[in-house]
Amino acid sequence: MNLKRSLSLVTTAALTTVGLAALAAPAAHADEWACTYPAVCFFKDYERTGSFVDLTSGWQTLTSSKNATGAWNTRNDDGALLHFTNGKRLCLGPGDSRNDLRSIGTVDKIRIMDNPNC
């Protein structure tokens, strides 16, 4: 085998390993942050402050998670509609996470919906 082919195989193997590690990263965070399916979890500076699992027809008020810095929707096909005190709303789709909630406002309510697009 020539040197060019050997390097190509090594590069392909390395990229495959990196790609598989990237796919496994969300599951590792789920375990680390104790946010497991089918929850929508809230975080303040990467510390979990609460989780919600129920589909609801109305808003659920956040208590310890009010003013969270981030949220993660571990659900497969349900959207999580977040409400902010300034009236703004944000749809967190299945598998989505955000760590910039305070740049939008103060999150104060959640509604988990049987719709990936909220």
N, C-alpha and C. Protein backbone atom coordinates (compact mmCIF):
# COMPACT_ATOMS: atom_id res chain seq x y z
N MET A 1 0.85 -1.17 0.00
CA MET A 1 0.00 0.00 0.00
C MET A 1 0.90 1.23 0.00
N ASN A 2 0.58 2.22 -0.80
CA ASN A 2 1.43 3.40 -0.86
C ASN A 2 1.10 4.38 0.27
N LEU A 3 2.00 5.30 0.49
CA LEU A 3 1.87 6.25 1.60
C LEU A 3 0.61 7.10 1.49
N LYS A 4 0.29 7.57 0.30
CA LYS A 4 -0.90 8.40 0.10
C LYS A 4 -2.17 7.65 0.48
N ARG A 5 -2.28 6.40 0.07
CA ARG A 5 -3.46 5.57 0.39
C ARG A 5 -3.54 5.31 1.89
N SER A 6 -2.39 5.06 2.53
CA SER A 6 -2.36 4.81 3.97
C SER A 6 -2.84 6.04 4.74
N LEU A 7 -2.36 7.21 4.34
CA LEU A 7 -2.79 8.44 5.00
C LEU A 7 -4.28 8.68 4.79
N SER A 8 -4.79 8.37 3.63
CA SER A 8 -6.20 8.53 3.34
C SER A 8 -7.05 7.64 4.25
N LEU A 9 -6.62 6.40 4.44
CA LEU A 9 -7.36 5.48 5.32
C LEU A 9 -7.32 5.94 6.77
N VAL A 10 -6.16 6.43 7.22
CA VAL A 10 -6.04 6.93 8.59
C VAL A 10 -6.92 8.16 8.78
N THR A 11 -6.93 9.07 7.82
CA THR A 11 -7.77 10.26 7.89
C THR A 11 -9.24 9.89 7.93
N THR A 12 -9.65 8.96 7.09
CA THR A 12 -11.06 8.52 7.07
C THR A 12 -11.44 7.90 8.41
N ALA A 13 -10.58 7.07 8.97
CA ALA A 13 -10.86 6.44 10.26
C ALA A 13 -10.97 7.49 11.36
N ALA A 14 -10.08 8.48 11.35
CA ALA A 14 -10.12 9.54 12.36
C ALA A 14 -11.40 10.36 12.25
N LEU A 15 -11.79 10.72 11.03
CA LEU A 15 -13.01 11.50 10.84
C LEU A 15 -14.25 10.71 11.25
N THR A 16 -14.25 9.41 10.98
CA THR A 16 -15.37 8.56 11.38
C THR A 16 -15.47 8.52 12.90
N THR A 17 -14.34 8.38 13.58
CA THR A 17 -14.32 8.36 15.04
C THR A 17 -14.84 9.67 15.61
N VAL A 18 -14.39 10.79 15.06
CA VAL A 18 -14.86 12.10 15.52
C VAL A 18 -16.35 12.25 15.28
N GLY A 19 -16.83 11.81 14.13
CA GLY A 19 -18.25 11.90 13.81
C GLY A 19 -19.10 11.08 14.76
N LEU A 20 -18.66 9.88 15.09
CA LEU A 20 -19.41 9.04 16.03
C LEU A 20 -19.40 9.66 17.43
N ALA A 21 -18.29 10.25 17.82
CA ALA A 21 -18.23 10.91 19.12
C ALA A 21 -19.19 12.09 19.17
N ALA A 22 -19.30 12.83 18.08
CA ALA A 22 -20.22 13.97 18.04
C ALA A 22 -21.66 13.52 18.15
N LEU A 23 -22.00 12.39 17.52
CA LEU A 23 -23.36 11.87 17.62
C LEU A 23 -23.68 11.41 19.04
N ALA A 24 -22.69 10.92 19.76
CA ALA A 24 -22.91 10.43 21.12
C ALA A 24 -22.95 11.56 22.14
N ALA A 25 -22.48 12.74 21.79
CA ALA A 25 -22.37 13.84 22.75
C ALA A 25 -23.69 14.20 23.43
N PRO A 26 -24.83 14.35 22.71
CA PRO A 26 -26.06 14.70 23.41
C PRO A 26 -26.47 13.68 24.46
N ALA A 27 -26.29 12.40 24.19
CA ALA A 27 -26.64 11.39 25.17
C ALA A 27 -25.76 11.51 26.41
N ALA A 28 -24.49 11.80 26.20
CA ALA A 28 -23.58 11.97 27.33
C ALA A 28 -24.02 13.14 28.18
N HIS A 29 -24.40 14.27 27.55
CA HIS A 29 -24.89 15.42 28.30
C HIS A 29 -26.18 15.09 29.03
N ALA A 30 -27.05 14.32 28.41
CA ALA A 30 -28.32 13.95 29.04
C ALA A 30 -28.06 13.22 30.34
N ASP A 31 -27.12 12.29 30.33
CA ASP A 31 -26.80 11.56 31.55
C ASP A 31 -26.13 12.47 32.57
N GLU A 32 -25.18 13.27 32.10
CA GLU A 32 -24.42 14.16 32.98
C GLU A 32 -25.34 15.18 33.65
N TRP A 33 -26.28 15.72 32.91
CA TRP A 33 -27.16 16.74 33.45
C TRP A 33 -28.48 16.18 33.96
N ALA A 34 -28.62 14.85 33.98
CA ALA A 34 -29.83 14.18 34.45
C ALA A 34 -31.08 14.66 33.71
N CYS A 35 -30.94 14.81 32.42
CA CYS A 35 -32.08 15.18 31.58
C CYS A 35 -32.31 14.04 30.61
N THR A 36 -33.27 13.20 30.90
CA THR A 36 -33.50 12.02 30.09
C THR A 36 -34.87 12.09 29.42
N TYR A 37 -34.98 11.40 28.31
CA TYR A 37 -36.23 11.30 27.56
C TYR A 37 -37.34 10.83 28.49
N PRO A 38 -38.50 11.42 28.42
CA PRO A 38 -39.03 12.43 27.50
C PRO A 38 -39.15 13.81 28.14
N ALA A 39 -38.11 14.31 28.73
CA ALA A 39 -38.19 15.56 29.48
C ALA A 39 -37.75 16.78 28.66
N VAL A 40 -38.25 17.92 29.09
CA VAL A 40 -37.72 19.22 28.67
C VAL A 40 -37.10 19.79 29.93
N CYS A 41 -35.79 19.99 29.90
CA CYS A 41 -35.08 20.43 31.10
C CYS A 41 -34.60 21.87 30.97
N PHE A 42 -34.54 22.53 32.10
CA PHE A 42 -34.05 23.90 32.17
C PHE A 42 -32.77 23.93 32.99
N PHE A 43 -31.89 24.87 32.61
CA PHE A 43 -30.58 25.00 33.24
C PHE A 43 -30.28 26.45 33.55
N LYS A 44 -29.57 26.64 34.64
CA LYS A 44 -28.99 27.95 34.96
C LYS A 44 -27.50 27.71 35.04
N ASP A 45 -26.77 28.28 34.09
CA ASP A 45 -25.33 28.12 34.03
C ASP A 45 -24.94 26.64 34.09
N TYR A 46 -25.61 25.82 33.28
CA TYR A 46 -25.35 24.40 33.08
C TYR A 46 -25.68 23.51 34.28
N GLU A 47 -26.41 24.02 35.23
CA GLU A 47 -26.90 23.20 36.34
C GLU A 47 -28.40 23.03 36.16
N ARG A 48 -28.88 21.80 36.13
CA ARG A 48 -30.31 21.55 35.89
C ARG A 48 -31.13 22.09 37.05
N THR A 49 -32.16 22.87 36.70
CA THR A 49 -33.03 23.46 37.72
C THR A 49 -34.43 22.87 37.71
N GLY A 50 -34.77 22.11 36.67
CA GLY A 50 -36.10 21.50 36.62
C GLY A 50 -36.32 20.78 35.31
N SER A 51 -37.35 19.94 35.31
CA SER A 51 -37.72 19.24 34.08
C SER A 51 -39.23 19.07 34.02
N PHE A 52 -39.75 19.03 32.80
CA PHE A 52 -41.18 18.90 32.55
C PHE A 52 -41.40 17.78 31.54
N VAL A 53 -42.44 16.98 31.75
CA VAL A 53 -42.69 15.85 30.85
C VAL A 53 -44.12 15.80 30.31
N ASP A 54 -45.05 16.52 30.90
CA ASP A 54 -46.46 16.40 30.54
C ASP A 54 -46.86 17.26 29.34
N LEU A 55 -47.59 16.64 28.41
CA LEU A 55 -48.26 17.41 27.35
C LEU A 55 -49.38 18.17 28.02
N THR A 56 -49.52 19.45 27.71
CA THR A 56 -50.56 20.25 28.35
C THR A 56 -51.29 21.11 27.33
N SER A 57 -52.52 21.46 27.66
CA SER A 57 -53.28 22.35 26.79
C SER A 57 -53.09 23.81 27.18
N GLY A 58 -52.44 24.02 28.32
CA GLY A 58 -52.16 25.37 28.79
C GLY A 58 -50.73 25.48 29.29
N TRP A 59 -50.42 26.62 29.85
CA TRP A 59 -49.06 26.90 30.32
C TRP A 59 -48.79 26.25 31.67
N GLN A 60 -47.57 25.79 31.86
CA GLN A 60 -47.07 25.37 33.17
C GLN A 60 -46.11 26.46 33.63
N THR A 61 -46.30 26.95 34.83
CA THR A 61 -45.46 28.03 35.35
C THR A 61 -44.15 27.47 35.90
N LEU A 62 -43.07 28.11 35.53
CA LEU A 62 -41.76 27.72 36.05
C LEU A 62 -41.57 28.33 37.42
N THR A 63 -41.01 27.57 38.33
CA THR A 63 -40.67 28.10 39.64
C THR A 63 -39.15 28.20 39.75
N SER A 64 -38.49 27.10 40.11
CA SER A 64 -37.03 27.14 40.25
C SER A 64 -36.32 27.35 38.92
N SER A 65 -37.02 27.10 37.81
CA SER A 65 -36.42 27.27 36.49
C SER A 65 -36.68 28.63 35.86
N LYS A 66 -37.44 29.48 36.55
CA LYS A 66 -37.70 30.81 36.00
C LYS A 66 -36.37 31.53 35.81
N ASN A 67 -36.24 32.19 34.68
CA ASN A 67 -35.02 32.93 34.31
C ASN A 67 -33.85 31.99 34.02
N ALA A 68 -34.16 30.80 33.52
CA ALA A 68 -33.11 29.85 33.14
C ALA A 68 -32.24 30.42 32.02
N THR A 69 -31.01 29.96 31.96
CA THR A 69 -30.11 30.38 30.89
C THR A 69 -30.23 29.46 29.67
N GLY A 70 -30.68 28.21 29.90
CA GLY A 70 -30.77 27.26 28.81
C GLY A 70 -31.89 26.26 29.00
N ALA A 71 -32.24 25.59 27.90
CA ALA A 71 -33.27 24.55 27.93
C ALA A 71 -32.93 23.50 26.89
N TRP A 72 -33.37 22.26 27.15
CA TRP A 72 -33.11 21.15 26.24
C TRP A 72 -34.35 20.29 26.15
N ASN A 73 -34.85 20.09 24.94
CA ASN A 73 -36.01 19.25 24.68
C ASN A 73 -35.51 17.87 24.24
N THR A 74 -35.59 16.87 25.11
CA THR A 74 -35.12 15.53 24.77
C THR A 74 -36.19 14.69 24.08
N ARG A 75 -37.37 15.25 23.89
CA ARG A 75 -38.48 14.50 23.30
C ARG A 75 -38.22 14.25 21.81
N ASN A 76 -38.80 13.16 21.29
CA ASN A 76 -38.57 12.77 19.89
C ASN A 76 -39.45 13.50 18.89
N ASP A 77 -40.68 13.84 19.27
CA ASP A 77 -41.60 14.42 18.28
C ASP A 77 -42.54 15.47 18.85
N ASP A 78 -42.24 15.99 20.02
CA ASP A 78 -43.08 17.02 20.64
C ASP A 78 -42.29 18.32 20.78
N GLY A 79 -42.96 19.42 20.49
CA GLY A 79 -42.34 20.73 20.66
C GLY A 79 -42.60 21.28 22.04
N ALA A 80 -41.71 22.14 22.50
CA ALA A 80 -41.87 22.81 23.78
C ALA A 80 -41.91 24.31 23.52
N LEU A 81 -43.05 24.91 23.79
CA LEU A 81 -43.23 26.34 23.59
C LEU A 81 -42.86 27.05 24.89
N LEU A 82 -41.86 27.92 24.81
CA LEU A 82 -41.41 28.67 25.98
C LEU A 82 -42.00 30.07 25.94
N HIS A 83 -42.44 30.55 27.08
CA HIS A 83 -43.02 31.89 27.21
C HIS A 83 -42.09 32.74 28.06
N PHE A 84 -41.94 34.00 27.68
CA PHE A 84 -41.08 34.93 28.40
C PHE A 84 -41.92 36.06 28.99
N THR A 85 -41.44 36.66 30.06
CA THR A 85 -42.20 37.72 30.73
C THR A 85 -42.43 38.93 29.84
N ASN A 86 -41.60 39.11 28.82
CA ASN A 86 -41.77 40.23 27.90
C ASN A 86 -42.75 39.90 26.77
N GLY A 87 -43.41 38.75 26.85
CA GLY A 87 -44.41 38.36 25.86
C GLY A 87 -43.86 37.55 24.69
N LYS A 88 -42.55 37.46 24.58
CA LYS A 88 -41.97 36.67 23.48
C LYS A 88 -42.18 35.19 23.73
N ARG A 89 -42.15 34.43 22.64
CA ARG A 89 -42.28 32.97 22.70
C ARG A 89 -41.19 32.35 21.85
N LEU A 90 -40.80 31.14 22.22
CA LEU A 90 -39.78 30.41 21.48
C LEU A 90 -40.19 28.94 21.42
N CYS A 91 -40.16 28.37 20.22
CA CYS A 91 -40.46 26.96 20.05
C CYS A 91 -39.15 26.18 20.08
N LEU A 92 -39.07 25.25 21.00
CA LEU A 92 -37.92 24.35 21.10
C LEU A 92 -38.35 23.01 20.53
N GLY A 93 -37.90 22.72 19.34
CA GLY A 93 -38.29 21.50 18.64
C GLY A 93 -37.70 20.25 19.28
N PRO A 94 -38.12 19.08 18.80
CA PRO A 94 -37.59 17.82 19.33
C PRO A 94 -36.07 17.77 19.20
N GLY A 95 -35.40 17.45 20.30
CA GLY A 95 -33.95 17.33 20.30
C GLY A 95 -33.20 18.66 20.33
N ASP A 96 -33.91 19.78 20.30
CA ASP A 96 -33.27 21.10 20.28
C ASP A 96 -32.84 21.54 21.68
N SER A 97 -31.81 22.35 21.71
CA SER A 97 -31.39 22.98 22.96
C SER A 97 -30.97 24.42 22.67
N ARG A 98 -31.08 25.25 23.67
CA ARG A 98 -30.66 26.66 23.57
C ARG A 98 -29.95 27.01 24.87
N ASN A 99 -28.90 27.79 24.77
CA ASN A 99 -28.22 28.25 25.97
C ASN A 99 -28.15 29.78 26.03
N ASP A 100 -29.07 30.42 25.31
CA ASP A 100 -29.08 31.88 25.24
C ASP A 100 -30.44 32.47 25.64
N LEU A 101 -31.15 31.79 26.51
CA LEU A 101 -32.52 32.23 26.83
C LEU A 101 -32.57 33.63 27.42
N ARG A 102 -31.60 34.00 28.21
CA ARG A 102 -31.62 35.33 28.84
C ARG A 102 -31.46 36.45 27.82
N SER A 103 -30.90 36.13 26.67
CA SER A 103 -30.79 37.16 25.63
C SER A 103 -32.16 37.46 25.01
N ILE A 104 -33.10 36.55 25.20
CA ILE A 104 -34.47 36.74 24.72
C ILE A 104 -35.32 37.41 25.78
N GLY A 105 -35.09 37.05 27.03
CA GLY A 105 -35.85 37.60 28.15
C GLY A 105 -35.82 36.64 29.32
N THR A 106 -36.81 36.77 30.19
CA THR A 106 -36.93 35.91 31.35
C THR A 106 -37.98 34.85 31.07
N VAL A 107 -37.54 33.61 30.89
CA VAL A 107 -38.48 32.52 30.62
C VAL A 107 -39.26 32.24 31.90
N ASP A 108 -40.58 32.12 31.77
CA ASP A 108 -41.41 31.92 32.97
C ASP A 108 -42.45 30.82 32.82
N LYS A 109 -42.69 30.32 31.60
CA LYS A 109 -43.72 29.29 31.41
C LYS A 109 -43.31 28.35 30.28
N ILE A 110 -43.91 27.17 30.29
CA ILE A 110 -43.67 26.18 29.24
C ILE A 110 -44.98 25.48 28.90
N ARG A 111 -45.08 25.09 27.65
CA ARG A 111 -46.20 24.27 27.19
C ARG A 111 -45.63 23.22 26.24
N ILE A 112 -45.71 21.95 26.62
CA ILE A 112 -45.24 20.86 25.76
C ILE A 112 -46.43 20.44 24.89
N MET A 113 -46.19 20.42 23.58
CA MET A 113 -47.28 20.20 22.63
C MET A 113 -47.02 18.97 21.76
N ASP A 114 -48.08 18.34 21.35
CA ASP A 114 -48.00 17.18 20.45
C ASP A 114 -47.84 17.67 19.01
N ASN A 115 -46.83 18.50 18.81
CA ASN A 115 -46.54 19.11 17.52
C ASN A 115 -45.07 19.53 17.52
N PRO A 116 -44.24 19.01 16.65
CA PRO A 116 -42.82 19.35 16.68
C PRO A 116 -42.55 20.82 16.38
N ASN A 117 -43.49 21.50 15.75
CA ASN A 117 -43.31 22.91 15.40
C ASN A 117 -44.06 23.86 16.31
N CYS A 118 -44.56 23.33 17.42
CA CYS A 118 -45.31 24.13 18.39
C CYS A 118 -46.53 24.76 17.74
